[in-house]
Amino acid sequence: MPAERNESGAGQYSIAIITLDESVFPEMRRSLASEFHLTLATTEQQIKNLVEDLELHCILFDLDSVGEGASDGIDVLKEIRAIRDDLVLMAMTQSATEVFRCAQVRRAPTSSS
């Protein structure tokens, strides 16, 4: 199944939204579609296709949508970063633990690494 796209933002920056919770896409589309070209990806193949799309500028990644939770999502973001260092990567999670958030910030690569 191809990724769901909105065409109203054609010619503008392209953002991929990666989540299993498809119910969030309509709200994001309402909020962002006037400024950005949006694509929803829910499968591994759709994610791979988007990462290979050189027209893609940004990924908004739901850390809870892969593996066993947010920690696995961080690992996927690292893999994406290794392939595409030109992408803006943003993450969202429902994890409310302060320990998780702090640990992930510390593990995030910096421009000096």
Foldseek 3Di string as FASTA:
>chain_A
DEWDWDCQQPPAAEEEEEALPCVCVVVCCVVPVNHYIYTYDDDPVNVVVQLPDPSHAEYEYELQRDDNGNVVSLVVVVVSCVSDVRHHYHYDYPDPDPVVVVVSVVVDDDPVD
